[in-house]
Amino acid sequence: MAGPAPKTKDWRARENKHKPKGLHVIVSGLVEVSTTNKRAVLKAAPRVGKVLPLDLTIEDGEVKDPKPITVWTEAYYHKEVSANEFDRVDIRWDGKTIATMPVIDDTEHHAQLQKQMAALNTKRGGLEPPKPTDRVVEMRAAAKAAAQKAAAAAKKAAAKKVAKKAAAKKKAAPKKAKKKAAKKAAKKTAKKSTLSKMFRKVVKKLTPSKKKKR
């Protein structure tokens, strides 16, 4: 048995874009340990769908002069991934989940930091939050452009579908009209034929029959 789970806080999981290419999921958090010679270690467990489970353990470090005091130490993990490979990360102790967090991308991470800093600055004198960096501006512009491109593509596809449907309807219209005309003509001919028969019957009745002389 690993014993009771340690206290943990400030867990974050983000999908980070690396240069020149590639994506990494970076997980970090703080873990309370009993001495300055202890360190928190995260190791991947078998994945469950789009959830990344990480097992937390406490191991001995390499501090030369450890102090027997309770301190916070950082737990860190990173893994190369494909885009949107994981939705969530679970931190486990002795097989049981003790913390969970969503995986956010760089843009969402920076937006959260901006919001947190603005809240802290408001509490401490109403200072203006710092302006976003060029990297953040660039990522926000890229995300906006991607969303606009997707919306334009969807609009174009919808217009194409409507045009195709209208063309099919237009193509079918002459055939429908021709069929209707043929049906009308057939009906008219049948009516005319019926009237002719009736007329002949009436004429035959009114015309005296000639009997052959013997």
N, C-alpha and C. Protein backbone atom coordinates (compact mmCIF):
# COMPACT_ATOMS: atom_id res chain seq x y z
N MET A 1 0.84 -1.20 0.00
CA MET A 1 0.00 0.00 0.00
C MET A 1 0.87 1.25 0.00
N ALA A 2 0.46 2.27 -0.76
CA ALA A 2 1.23 3.49 -0.87
C ALA A 2 0.95 4.47 0.26
N GLY A 3 -0.01 4.19 1.12
CA GLY A 3 -0.37 5.11 2.20
C GLY A 3 -1.34 6.16 1.72
N PRO A 4 -1.72 7.09 2.62
CA PRO A 4 -2.69 8.12 2.24
C PRO A 4 -2.13 9.05 1.16
N ALA A 5 -3.01 9.57 0.34
CA ALA A 5 -2.59 10.46 -0.74
C ALA A 5 -2.11 11.79 -0.18
N PRO A 6 -1.06 12.36 -0.76
CA PRO A 6 -0.57 13.66 -0.30
C PRO A 6 -1.50 14.78 -0.75
N LYS A 7 -1.34 15.95 -0.15
CA LYS A 7 -2.10 17.11 -0.60
C LYS A 7 -1.52 17.59 -1.93
N THR A 8 -2.40 17.98 -2.82
CA THR A 8 -1.96 18.50 -4.12
C THR A 8 -2.80 19.73 -4.48
N LYS A 9 -2.27 20.56 -5.38
CA LYS A 9 -3.03 21.74 -5.83
C LYS A 9 -2.44 22.28 -7.13
N ASP A 10 -3.19 23.21 -7.72
CA ASP A 10 -2.75 23.95 -8.92
C ASP A 10 -2.38 23.04 -10.10
N TRP A 11 -3.21 22.04 -10.35
CA TRP A 11 -2.94 21.16 -11.49
C TRP A 11 -3.35 21.84 -12.79
N ARG A 12 -2.51 21.68 -13.80
CA ARG A 12 -2.80 22.22 -15.14
C ARG A 12 -2.36 21.21 -16.20
N ALA A 13 -3.14 21.15 -17.27
CA ALA A 13 -2.77 20.30 -18.41
C ALA A 13 -3.03 21.10 -19.68
N ARG A 14 -1.99 21.31 -20.48
CA ARG A 14 -2.20 22.09 -21.69
C ARG A 14 -1.49 21.47 -22.89
N GLU A 15 -2.11 21.68 -24.03
CA GLU A 15 -1.56 21.22 -25.30
C GLU A 15 -0.67 22.33 -25.85
N ASN A 16 0.63 22.09 -25.86
CA ASN A 16 1.60 23.13 -26.19
C ASN A 16 2.20 22.89 -27.57
N LYS A 17 2.25 23.96 -28.39
CA LYS A 17 2.82 23.86 -29.73
C LYS A 17 4.33 24.08 -29.65
N HIS A 18 5.10 23.10 -30.12
CA HIS A 18 6.55 23.19 -30.09
C HIS A 18 7.11 23.64 -31.43
N LYS A 19 8.24 24.32 -31.38
CA LYS A 19 8.93 24.69 -32.61
C LYS A 19 10.06 23.69 -32.88
N PRO A 20 10.36 23.32 -34.14
CA PRO A 20 9.70 23.83 -35.36
C PRO A 20 8.35 23.19 -35.63
N LYS A 21 8.07 22.03 -35.00
CA LYS A 21 6.77 21.39 -35.21
C LYS A 21 6.48 20.45 -34.05
N GLY A 22 5.24 19.96 -34.01
CA GLY A 22 4.86 18.99 -32.99
C GLY A 22 4.06 19.59 -31.85
N LEU A 23 3.26 18.74 -31.20
CA LEU A 23 2.47 19.14 -30.04
C LEU A 23 2.83 18.28 -28.85
N HIS A 24 2.82 18.88 -27.67
CA HIS A 24 3.08 18.15 -26.43
C HIS A 24 1.97 18.48 -25.44
N VAL A 25 1.54 17.46 -24.69
CA VAL A 25 0.68 17.72 -23.53
C VAL A 25 1.61 17.90 -22.34
N ILE A 26 1.49 19.05 -21.66
CA ILE A 26 2.33 19.35 -20.50
C ILE A 26 1.43 19.42 -19.27
N VAL A 27 1.76 18.58 -18.29
CA VAL A 27 0.98 18.50 -17.05
C VAL A 27 1.87 18.95 -15.90
N SER A 28 1.34 19.81 -15.03
CA SER A 28 2.12 20.26 -13.88
C SER A 28 1.19 20.52 -12.70
N GLY A 29 1.77 20.43 -11.50
CA GLY A 29 1.00 20.67 -10.29
C GLY A 29 1.92 20.69 -9.09
N LEU A 30 1.40 21.03 -7.92
CA LEU A 30 2.19 21.07 -6.70
C LEU A 30 1.75 19.94 -5.76
N VAL A 31 2.75 19.29 -5.16
CA VAL A 31 2.49 18.16 -4.26
C VAL A 31 3.21 18.43 -2.93
N GLU A 32 2.51 18.21 -1.82
CA GLU A 32 3.10 18.42 -0.50
C GLU A 32 3.89 17.18 -0.08
N VAL A 33 5.16 17.40 0.32
CA VAL A 33 6.01 16.28 0.77
C VAL A 33 6.55 16.60 2.18
N SER A 34 7.02 15.55 2.86
CA SER A 34 7.40 15.68 4.28
C SER A 34 8.81 16.23 4.50
N THR A 35 9.71 16.10 3.50
CA THR A 35 11.08 16.61 3.64
C THR A 35 11.51 17.25 2.32
N THR A 36 12.58 18.01 2.39
CA THR A 36 13.09 18.68 1.19
C THR A 36 13.80 17.72 0.24
N ASN A 37 13.97 16.46 0.67
CA ASN A 37 14.64 15.47 -0.17
C ASN A 37 13.66 14.61 -0.98
N LYS A 38 12.38 14.92 -0.89
CA LYS A 38 11.38 14.14 -1.63
C LYS A 38 10.98 14.86 -2.91
N ARG A 39 10.65 14.08 -3.94
CA ARG A 39 10.17 14.68 -5.19
C ARG A 39 8.96 13.91 -5.70
N ALA A 40 8.10 14.64 -6.39
CA ALA A 40 6.87 14.04 -6.94
C ALA A 40 7.13 13.60 -8.37
N VAL A 41 6.71 12.38 -8.70
CA VAL A 41 6.94 11.81 -10.04
C VAL A 41 5.60 11.40 -10.65
N LEU A 42 5.42 11.76 -11.92
CA LEU A 42 4.23 11.36 -12.66
C LEU A 42 4.61 10.39 -13.77
N LYS A 43 3.89 9.26 -13.83
CA LYS A 43 4.14 8.27 -14.89
C LYS A 43 2.81 7.90 -15.55
N ALA A 44 2.84 7.75 -16.87
CA ALA A 44 1.62 7.45 -17.62
C ALA A 44 1.14 6.02 -17.35
N ALA A 45 -0.17 5.90 -17.15
CA ALA A 45 -0.82 4.59 -17.03
C ALA A 45 -1.54 4.32 -18.35
N PRO A 46 -2.03 3.09 -18.59
CA PRO A 46 -2.75 2.80 -19.84
C PRO A 46 -3.90 3.78 -20.05
N ARG A 47 -3.97 4.35 -21.24
CA ARG A 47 -4.98 5.36 -21.54
C ARG A 47 -6.37 4.78 -21.57
N VAL A 48 -7.36 5.63 -21.33
CA VAL A 48 -8.78 5.23 -21.37
C VAL A 48 -9.48 6.21 -22.30
N GLY A 49 -9.63 5.82 -23.57
CA GLY A 49 -10.26 6.71 -24.55
C GLY A 49 -9.44 7.99 -24.72
N LYS A 50 -10.10 9.12 -24.48
CA LYS A 50 -9.41 10.41 -24.62
C LYS A 50 -8.96 10.98 -23.27
N VAL A 51 -8.87 10.07 -22.28
CA VAL A 51 -8.40 10.45 -20.94
C VAL A 51 -6.97 9.94 -20.76
N LEU A 52 -6.08 10.82 -20.27
CA LEU A 52 -4.69 10.44 -19.98
C LEU A 52 -4.54 10.25 -18.47
N PRO A 53 -4.40 8.99 -17.98
CA PRO A 53 -4.22 8.77 -16.54
C PRO A 53 -2.73 8.84 -16.20
N LEU A 54 -2.39 9.56 -15.12
CA LEU A 54 -1.01 9.66 -14.66
C LEU A 54 -0.93 9.21 -13.20
N ASP A 55 -0.03 8.27 -12.94
CA ASP A 55 0.16 7.78 -11.56
C ASP A 55 1.19 8.65 -10.85
N LEU A 56 0.81 9.15 -9.67
CA LEU A 56 1.69 9.98 -8.85
C LEU A 56 2.37 9.13 -7.79
N THR A 57 3.70 9.29 -7.67
CA THR A 57 4.46 8.64 -6.61
C THR A 57 5.43 9.66 -6.00
N ILE A 58 5.85 9.37 -4.77
CA ILE A 58 6.84 10.22 -4.09
C ILE A 58 8.14 9.43 -3.99
N GLU A 59 9.22 10.00 -4.50
CA GLU A 59 10.51 9.33 -4.51
C GLU A 59 11.57 10.19 -3.82
N ASP A 60 12.68 9.54 -3.44
CA ASP A 60 13.79 10.27 -2.84
C ASP A 60 14.54 11.07 -3.89
N GLY A 61 14.90 12.30 -3.54
CA GLY A 61 15.66 13.14 -4.45
C GLY A 61 17.15 13.08 -4.17
N GLU A 62 17.87 14.09 -4.62
CA GLU A 62 19.33 14.11 -4.45
C GLU A 62 19.79 15.38 -3.72
N VAL A 63 19.00 15.83 -2.77
CA VAL A 63 19.36 17.01 -1.98
C VAL A 63 20.46 16.62 -0.98
N LYS A 64 21.53 17.41 -0.95
CA LYS A 64 22.69 17.09 -0.09
C LYS A 64 22.36 17.25 1.39
N ASP A 65 21.66 18.30 1.72
CA ASP A 65 21.36 18.56 3.14
C ASP A 65 19.85 18.69 3.33
N PRO A 66 19.11 17.56 3.29
CA PRO A 66 17.65 17.62 3.38
C PRO A 66 17.17 18.11 4.74
N LYS A 67 16.05 18.84 4.72
CA LYS A 67 15.44 19.35 5.94
C LYS A 67 14.12 18.62 6.21
N PRO A 68 13.89 18.19 7.43
CA PRO A 68 12.64 17.47 7.76
C PRO A 68 11.46 18.42 7.96
N ILE A 69 11.15 19.15 6.91
CA ILE A 69 10.01 20.08 7.00
C ILE A 69 9.07 19.84 5.81
N THR A 70 7.82 20.18 6.04
CA THR A 70 6.82 20.00 4.97
C THR A 70 6.96 21.11 3.93
N VAL A 71 7.11 20.71 2.69
CA VAL A 71 7.28 21.68 1.60
C VAL A 71 6.44 21.24 0.40
N TRP A 72 6.27 22.19 -0.53
CA TRP A 72 5.59 21.88 -1.79
C TRP A 72 6.64 21.65 -2.87
N THR A 73 6.46 20.60 -3.64
CA THR A 73 7.36 20.31 -4.75
C THR A 73 6.55 20.17 -6.03
N GLU A 74 7.18 20.46 -7.15
CA GLU A 74 6.45 20.44 -8.42
C GLU A 74 6.45 19.03 -9.03
N ALA A 75 5.29 18.64 -9.54
CA ALA A 75 5.17 17.41 -10.33
C ALA A 75 5.03 17.83 -11.79
N TYR A 76 5.74 17.15 -12.67
CA TYR A 76 5.78 17.58 -14.08
C TYR A 76 5.78 16.36 -14.99
N TYR A 77 5.05 16.48 -16.12
CA TYR A 77 4.99 15.39 -17.11
C TYR A 77 4.74 16.00 -18.48
N HIS A 78 5.39 15.46 -19.50
CA HIS A 78 5.07 15.91 -20.86
C HIS A 78 5.11 14.72 -21.81
N LYS A 79 4.29 14.80 -22.85
CA LYS A 79 4.16 13.71 -23.81
C LYS A 79 3.83 14.28 -25.18
N GLU A 80 4.50 13.77 -26.21
CA GLU A 80 4.20 14.22 -27.58
C GLU A 80 2.87 13.60 -28.01
N VAL A 81 2.00 14.42 -28.57
CA VAL A 81 0.64 13.97 -28.92
C VAL A 81 0.24 14.53 -30.29
N SER A 82 -0.90 14.08 -30.76
CA SER A 82 -1.53 14.68 -31.94
C SER A 82 -2.58 15.67 -31.46
N ALA A 83 -3.06 16.53 -32.34
CA ALA A 83 -4.02 17.57 -31.95
C ALA A 83 -5.29 16.94 -31.38
N ASN A 84 -5.72 17.43 -30.22
CA ASN A 84 -6.95 16.98 -29.55
C ASN A 84 -6.96 15.48 -29.24
N GLU A 85 -5.77 14.92 -28.98
CA GLU A 85 -5.69 13.49 -28.67
C GLU A 85 -6.32 13.18 -27.31
N PHE A 86 -6.15 14.12 -26.35
CA PHE A 86 -6.70 13.94 -25.01
C PHE A 86 -7.60 15.11 -24.63
N ASP A 87 -8.72 14.79 -23.97
CA ASP A 87 -9.64 15.82 -23.48
C ASP A 87 -9.40 16.12 -22.00
N ARG A 88 -8.87 15.11 -21.27
CA ARG A 88 -8.77 15.24 -19.82
C ARG A 88 -7.56 14.47 -19.30
N VAL A 89 -7.05 14.92 -18.16
CA VAL A 89 -5.96 14.21 -17.47
C VAL A 89 -6.42 13.87 -16.05
N ASP A 90 -6.21 12.62 -15.65
CA ASP A 90 -6.53 12.18 -14.28
C ASP A 90 -5.23 11.92 -13.53
N ILE A 91 -5.09 12.51 -12.35
CA ILE A 91 -3.95 12.22 -11.47
C ILE A 91 -4.38 11.16 -10.47
N ARG A 92 -3.61 10.05 -10.43
CA ARG A 92 -4.01 8.92 -9.57
C ARG A 92 -2.96 8.65 -8.49
N TRP A 93 -3.46 8.21 -7.33
CA TRP A 93 -2.59 7.78 -6.23
C TRP A 93 -3.04 6.39 -5.81
N ASP A 94 -2.13 5.44 -5.94
CA ASP A 94 -2.45 4.05 -5.59
C ASP A 94 -3.68 3.56 -6.38
N GLY A 95 -3.76 3.95 -7.65
CA GLY A 95 -4.84 3.48 -8.52
C GLY A 95 -6.13 4.26 -8.44
N LYS A 96 -6.21 5.23 -7.51
CA LYS A 96 -7.44 6.02 -7.34
C LYS A 96 -7.23 7.46 -7.80
N THR A 97 -8.20 8.02 -8.49
CA THR A 97 -8.10 9.39 -8.99
C THR A 97 -8.23 10.39 -7.85
N ILE A 98 -7.24 11.27 -7.72
CA ILE A 98 -7.27 12.29 -6.67
C ILE A 98 -7.41 13.71 -7.24
N ALA A 99 -7.21 13.85 -8.55
CA ALA A 99 -7.37 15.16 -9.20
C ALA A 99 -7.63 14.92 -10.68
N THR A 100 -8.37 15.83 -11.27
CA THR A 100 -8.65 15.74 -12.70
C THR A 100 -8.74 17.14 -13.28
N MET A 101 -8.36 17.28 -14.56
CA MET A 101 -8.37 18.60 -15.19
C MET A 101 -8.54 18.45 -16.69
N PRO A 102 -9.16 19.44 -17.35
CA PRO A 102 -9.30 19.39 -18.81
C PRO A 102 -7.97 19.76 -19.47
N VAL A 103 -7.76 19.27 -20.68
CA VAL A 103 -6.58 19.66 -21.47
C VAL A 103 -6.96 20.88 -22.28
N ILE A 104 -6.24 21.98 -22.08
CA ILE A 104 -6.53 23.20 -22.82
C ILE A 104 -5.35 23.52 -23.74
N ASP A 105 -5.62 24.25 -24.83
CA ASP A 105 -4.52 24.60 -25.73
C ASP A 105 -3.86 25.90 -25.28
N ASP A 106 -2.80 26.31 -25.99
CA ASP A 106 -2.03 27.50 -25.59
C ASP A 106 -2.89 28.75 -25.49
N THR A 107 -3.78 28.92 -26.47
CA THR A 107 -4.62 30.13 -26.49
C THR A 107 -5.51 30.19 -25.25
N GLU A 108 -6.14 29.06 -24.91
CA GLU A 108 -7.00 29.02 -23.73
C GLU A 108 -6.19 29.23 -22.45
N HIS A 109 -4.97 28.67 -22.42
CA HIS A 109 -4.10 28.81 -21.24
C HIS A 109 -3.73 30.27 -21.01
N HIS A 110 -3.33 30.97 -22.07
CA HIS A 110 -2.96 32.37 -21.94
C HIS A 110 -4.17 33.23 -21.56
N ALA A 111 -5.34 32.87 -22.09
CA ALA A 111 -6.56 33.61 -21.75
C ALA A 111 -6.87 33.47 -20.27
N GLN A 112 -6.68 32.26 -19.73
CA GLN A 112 -6.91 32.04 -18.29
C GLN A 112 -5.94 32.85 -17.45
N LEU A 113 -4.65 32.88 -17.87
CA LEU A 113 -3.65 33.65 -17.13
C LEU A 113 -4.00 35.14 -17.13
N GLN A 114 -4.44 35.64 -18.29
CA GLN A 114 -4.82 37.05 -18.39
C GLN A 114 -5.97 37.37 -17.43
N LYS A 115 -6.93 36.45 -17.37
CA LYS A 115 -8.09 36.65 -16.50
C LYS A 115 -7.67 36.63 -15.03
N GLN A 116 -6.79 35.69 -14.67
CA GLN A 116 -6.32 35.59 -13.29
C GLN A 116 -5.53 36.84 -12.88
N MET A 117 -4.64 37.31 -13.79
CA MET A 117 -3.84 38.50 -13.48
C MET A 117 -4.72 39.74 -13.34
N ALA A 118 -5.73 39.84 -14.20
CA ALA A 118 -6.65 40.98 -14.12
C ALA A 118 -7.38 40.99 -12.78
N ALA A 119 -7.81 39.80 -12.33
CA ALA A 119 -8.51 39.69 -11.04
C ALA A 119 -7.60 40.07 -9.88
N LEU A 120 -6.33 39.60 -9.92
CA LEU A 120 -5.37 39.92 -8.86
C LEU A 120 -5.04 41.42 -8.83
N ASN A 121 -4.86 41.99 -10.03
CA ASN A 121 -4.54 43.42 -10.10
C ASN A 121 -5.69 44.30 -9.61
N THR A 122 -6.92 43.85 -9.87
CA THR A 122 -8.09 44.59 -9.40
C THR A 122 -8.13 44.60 -7.87
N LYS A 123 -7.79 43.47 -7.27
CA LYS A 123 -7.77 43.37 -5.81
C LYS A 123 -6.68 44.24 -5.20
N ARG A 124 -5.58 44.40 -5.94
CA ARG A 124 -4.41 45.10 -5.39
C ARG A 124 -4.24 46.52 -5.96
N GLY A 125 -5.36 47.21 -6.12
CA GLY A 125 -5.24 48.61 -6.49
C GLY A 125 -5.83 48.99 -7.83
N GLY A 126 -6.53 48.08 -8.48
CA GLY A 126 -7.18 48.41 -9.73
C GLY A 126 -6.23 48.67 -10.89
N LEU A 127 -5.07 47.98 -10.91
CA LEU A 127 -4.12 48.16 -12.00
C LEU A 127 -4.63 47.53 -13.28
N GLU A 128 -4.22 48.09 -14.40
CA GLU A 128 -4.60 47.53 -15.69
C GLU A 128 -3.85 46.23 -15.93
N PRO A 129 -4.50 45.22 -16.47
CA PRO A 129 -3.80 43.96 -16.77
C PRO A 129 -2.78 44.18 -17.89
N PRO A 130 -1.67 43.44 -17.89
CA PRO A 130 -0.67 43.61 -18.93
C PRO A 130 -1.23 43.26 -20.31
N LYS A 131 -0.69 43.91 -21.32
CA LYS A 131 -1.15 43.64 -22.68
C LYS A 131 -0.68 42.26 -23.12
N PRO A 132 -1.46 41.57 -23.96
CA PRO A 132 -1.04 40.24 -24.42
C PRO A 132 0.22 40.33 -25.27
N THR A 133 1.04 39.29 -25.20
CA THR A 133 2.27 39.25 -25.97
C THR A 133 1.96 39.06 -27.45
N ASP A 134 2.98 39.28 -28.29
CA ASP A 134 2.80 39.10 -29.74
C ASP A 134 2.39 37.68 -30.07
N ARG A 135 2.95 36.73 -29.30
CA ARG A 135 2.63 35.31 -29.53
C ARG A 135 1.15 35.04 -29.28
N VAL A 136 0.62 35.62 -28.20
CA VAL A 136 -0.80 35.45 -27.87
C VAL A 136 -1.67 36.09 -28.94
N VAL A 137 -1.29 37.30 -29.36
CA VAL A 137 -2.05 38.00 -30.41
C VAL A 137 -2.06 37.18 -31.69
N GLU A 138 -0.89 36.61 -32.00
CA GLU A 138 -0.76 35.79 -33.21
C GLU A 138 -1.65 34.56 -33.15
N MET A 139 -1.65 33.88 -31.98
CA MET A 139 -2.47 32.67 -31.83
C MET A 139 -3.96 33.00 -31.88
N ARG A 140 -4.34 34.13 -31.26
CA ARG A 140 -5.75 34.52 -31.28
C ARG A 140 -6.19 34.83 -32.71
N ALA A 141 -5.31 35.52 -33.47
CA ALA A 141 -5.63 35.85 -34.87
C ALA A 141 -5.75 34.59 -35.71
N ALA A 142 -4.84 33.62 -35.45
CA ALA A 142 -4.87 32.35 -36.19
C ALA A 142 -6.15 31.57 -35.89
N ALA A 143 -6.55 31.56 -34.60
CA ALA A 143 -7.77 30.86 -34.20
C ALA A 143 -9.00 31.52 -34.84
N LYS A 144 -9.01 32.86 -34.86
CA LYS A 144 -10.12 33.60 -35.46
C LYS A 144 -10.20 33.35 -36.95
N ALA A 145 -9.02 33.35 -37.62
CA ALA A 145 -8.97 33.11 -39.07
C ALA A 145 -9.46 31.71 -39.40
N ALA A 146 -9.06 30.73 -38.57
CA ALA A 146 -9.48 29.34 -38.79
C ALA A 146 -11.00 29.20 -38.64
N ALA A 147 -11.55 29.89 -37.64
CA ALA A 147 -13.00 29.85 -37.42
C ALA A 147 -13.75 30.49 -38.59
N GLN A 148 -13.22 31.62 -39.09
CA GLN A 148 -13.85 32.30 -40.23
C GLN A 148 -13.77 31.45 -41.49
N LYS A 149 -12.63 30.77 -41.67
CA LYS A 149 -12.45 29.91 -42.83
C LYS A 149 -13.43 28.74 -42.80
N ALA A 150 -13.60 28.16 -41.61
CA ALA A 150 -14.53 27.03 -41.45
C ALA A 150 -15.96 27.48 -41.72
N ALA A 151 -16.32 28.69 -41.22
CA ALA A 151 -17.67 29.22 -41.43
C ALA A 151 -17.92 29.49 -42.91
N ALA A 152 -16.89 30.04 -43.61
CA ALA A 152 -17.03 30.33 -45.05
C ALA A 152 -17.18 29.05 -45.85
N ALA A 153 -16.42 28.01 -45.46
CA ALA A 153 -16.51 26.72 -46.14
C ALA A 153 -17.89 26.09 -45.97
N ALA A 154 -18.42 26.20 -44.74
CA ALA A 154 -19.75 25.65 -44.46
C ALA A 154 -20.82 26.41 -45.25
N LYS A 155 -20.68 27.74 -45.36
CA LYS A 155 -21.62 28.57 -46.11
C LYS A 155 -21.58 28.23 -47.59
N LYS A 156 -20.36 28.04 -48.11
CA LYS A 156 -20.17 27.70 -49.52
C LYS A 156 -20.78 26.34 -49.84
N ALA A 157 -20.58 25.37 -48.93
CA ALA A 157 -21.13 24.03 -49.11
C ALA A 157 -22.66 24.07 -49.11
N ALA A 158 -23.23 24.88 -48.23
CA ALA A 158 -24.69 25.01 -48.14
C ALA A 158 -25.25 25.65 -49.41
N ALA A 159 -24.55 26.69 -49.93
CA ALA A 159 -24.99 27.36 -51.16
C ALA A 159 -24.91 26.41 -52.35
N LYS A 160 -23.86 25.60 -52.38
CA LYS A 160 -23.67 24.63 -53.46
C LYS A 160 -24.79 23.59 -53.45
N LYS A 161 -25.17 23.18 -52.26
CA LYS A 161 -26.24 22.20 -52.10
C LYS A 161 -27.57 22.75 -52.59
N VAL A 162 -27.84 24.03 -52.23
CA VAL A 162 -29.09 24.69 -52.66
C VAL A 162 -29.12 24.84 -54.18
N ALA A 163 -27.96 25.23 -54.77
CA ALA A 163 -27.86 25.42 -56.22
C ALA A 163 -28.08 24.10 -56.95
N LYS A 164 -27.50 23.04 -56.40
CA LYS A 164 -27.64 21.71 -57.00
C LYS A 164 -29.10 21.25 -56.97
N LYS A 165 -29.75 21.53 -55.87
CA LYS A 165 -31.16 21.15 -55.71
C LYS A 165 -32.04 21.94 -56.69
N ALA A 166 -31.72 23.25 -56.85
CA ALA A 166 -32.48 24.10 -57.76
C ALA A 166 -32.29 23.65 -59.21
N ALA A 167 -31.03 23.26 -59.56
CA ALA A 167 -30.73 22.80 -60.92
C ALA A 167 -31.48 21.50 -61.23
N ALA A 168 -31.52 20.60 -60.24
CA ALA A 168 -32.24 19.33 -60.41
C ALA A 168 -33.73 19.58 -60.60
N LYS A 169 -34.26 20.55 -59.85
CA LYS A 169 -35.68 20.90 -59.94
C LYS A 169 -36.00 21.50 -61.31
N LYS A 170 -35.06 22.37 -61.79
CA LYS A 170 -35.23 23.02 -63.09
C LYS A 170 -35.17 22.00 -64.21
N LYS A 171 -34.28 21.03 -64.07
CA LYS A 171 -34.12 19.98 -65.07
C LYS A 171 -35.36 19.09 -65.13
N ALA A 172 -35.95 18.86 -63.98
CA ALA A 172 -37.11 17.97 -63.90
C ALA A 172 -38.39 18.68 -64.36
N ALA A 173 -38.42 20.03 -64.37
CA ALA A 173 -39.62 20.80 -64.70
C ALA A 173 -40.15 20.51 -66.11
N PRO A 174 -39.30 20.53 -67.20
CA PRO A 174 -39.81 20.24 -68.56
C PRO A 174 -40.43 18.85 -68.68
N LYS A 175 -39.81 17.87 -68.05
CA LYS A 175 -40.35 16.51 -68.09
C LYS A 175 -41.72 16.46 -67.43
N LYS A 176 -41.82 17.17 -66.33
CA LYS A 176 -43.09 17.19 -65.59
C LYS A 176 -44.18 17.87 -66.41
N ALA A 177 -43.79 18.99 -67.07
CA ALA A 177 -44.74 19.74 -67.89
C ALA A 177 -45.18 18.90 -69.09
N LYS A 178 -44.22 18.20 -69.71
CA LYS A 178 -44.50 17.36 -70.87
C LYS A 178 -45.45 16.22 -70.50
N LYS A 179 -45.19 15.64 -69.36
CA LYS A 179 -46.03 14.55 -68.87
C LYS A 179 -47.46 15.03 -68.59
N LYS A 180 -47.53 16.23 -68.01
CA LYS A 180 -48.83 16.83 -67.70
C LYS A 180 -49.61 17.14 -68.98
N ALA A 181 -48.89 17.67 -70.00
CA ALA A 181 -49.52 17.99 -71.29
C ALA A 181 -50.03 16.73 -71.98
N ALA A 182 -49.20 15.66 -71.93
CA ALA A 182 -49.59 14.39 -72.56
C ALA A 182 -50.82 13.81 -71.87
N LYS A 183 -50.87 13.94 -70.58
CA LYS A 183 -52.01 13.44 -69.81
C LYS A 183 -53.27 14.23 -70.14
N LYS A 184 -53.11 15.55 -70.29
CA LYS A 184 -54.23 16.42 -70.63
C LYS A 184 -54.77 16.11 -72.02
N ALA A 185 -53.82 15.89 -72.97
CA ALA A 185 -54.20 15.57 -74.35
C ALA A 185 -54.94 14.24 -74.42
N ALA A 186 -54.44 13.26 -73.67
CA ALA A 186 -55.07 11.94 -73.63
C ALA A 186 -56.48 12.02 -73.07
N LYS A 187 -56.63 12.85 -72.06
CA LYS A 187 -57.94 13.04 -71.44
C LYS A 187 -58.92 13.70 -72.42
N LYS A 188 -58.38 14.69 -73.16
CA LYS A 188 -59.20 15.41 -74.14
C LYS A 188 -59.64 14.49 -75.27
N THR A 189 -58.69 13.65 -75.75
CA THR A 189 -58.98 12.68 -76.82
C THR A 189 -60.04 11.68 -76.38
N ALA A 190 -59.89 11.22 -75.13
CA ALA A 190 -60.85 10.24 -74.60
C ALA A 190 -62.25 10.85 -74.50
N LYS A 191 -62.29 12.12 -74.10
CA LYS A 191 -63.57 12.83 -73.97
C LYS A 191 -64.23 13.00 -75.34
N LYS A 192 -63.38 13.36 -76.33
CA LYS A 192 -63.86 13.57 -77.70
C LYS A 192 -64.40 12.27 -78.29
N SER A 193 -63.70 11.19 -78.02
CA SER A 193 -64.11 9.87 -78.51
C SER A 193 -65.45 9.46 -77.92
N THR A 194 -65.61 9.75 -76.64
CA THR A 194 -66.87 9.41 -75.95
C THR A 194 -68.04 10.20 -76.54
N LEU A 195 -67.82 11.49 -76.80
CA LEU A 195 -68.87 12.33 -77.40
C LEU A 195 -69.24 11.85 -78.80
N SER A 196 -68.23 11.45 -79.56
CA SER A 196 -68.48 10.94 -80.94
C SER A 196 -69.34 9.70 -80.91
N LYS A 197 -69.04 8.81 -79.99
CA LYS A 197 -69.83 7.58 -79.85
C LYS A 197 -71.27 7.89 -79.50
N MET A 198 -71.43 8.82 -78.55
CA MET A 198 -72.79 9.19 -78.13
C MET A 198 -73.55 9.83 -79.29
N PHE A 199 -72.86 10.68 -80.07
CA PHE A 199 -73.50 11.35 -81.22
C PHE A 199 -73.96 10.32 -82.26
N ARG A 200 -73.10 9.34 -82.52
CA ARG A 200 -73.45 8.30 -83.50
C ARG A 200 -74.66 7.49 -83.05
N LYS A 201 -74.73 7.22 -81.77
CA LYS A 201 -75.86 6.46 -81.24
C LYS A 201 -77.18 7.23 -81.42
N VAL A 202 -77.10 8.54 -81.12
CA VAL A 202 -78.30 9.38 -81.24
C VAL A 202 -78.75 9.45 -82.69
N VAL A 203 -77.84 9.63 -83.61
CA VAL A 203 -78.15 9.71 -85.05
C VAL A 203 -78.77 8.41 -85.53
N LYS A 204 -78.24 7.31 -85.07
CA LYS A 204 -78.73 5.99 -85.48
C LYS A 204 -80.16 5.78 -85.01
N LYS A 205 -80.46 6.31 -83.81
CA LYS A 205 -81.81 6.16 -83.27
C LYS A 205 -82.82 6.97 -84.06
N LEU A 206 -82.40 8.18 -84.41
CA LEU A 206 -83.31 9.10 -85.11
C LEU A 206 -83.47 8.75 -86.58
N THR A 207 -82.54 8.08 -87.17
CA THR A 207 -82.63 7.72 -88.60
C THR A 207 -83.49 6.47 -88.75
N PRO A 208 -84.63 6.56 -89.61
CA PRO A 208 -85.50 5.37 -89.81
C PRO A 208 -84.75 4.28 -90.58
N SER A 209 -84.97 3.10 -90.15
CA SER A 209 -84.29 1.98 -90.79
C SER A 209 -85.02 1.56 -92.06
N LYS A 210 -84.29 1.24 -93.09
CA LYS A 210 -84.85 0.81 -94.37
C LYS A 210 -84.87 -0.70 -94.44
N LYS A 211 -86.12 -1.21 -94.61
CA LYS A 211 -86.24 -2.69 -94.71
C LYS A 211 -86.13 -3.12 -96.17
N LYS A 212 -85.47 -4.17 -96.37
CA LYS A 212 -85.28 -4.69 -97.73
C LYS A 212 -86.60 -5.23 -98.27
N LYS A 213 -86.87 -4.87 -99.52
CA LYS A 213 -88.08 -5.39 -100.19
C LYS A 213 -87.87 -6.81 -100.58
N ARG A 214 -89.00 -7.60 -100.45
CA ARG A 214 -88.94 -9.01 -100.84
C ARG A 214 -89.19 -9.13 -102.32
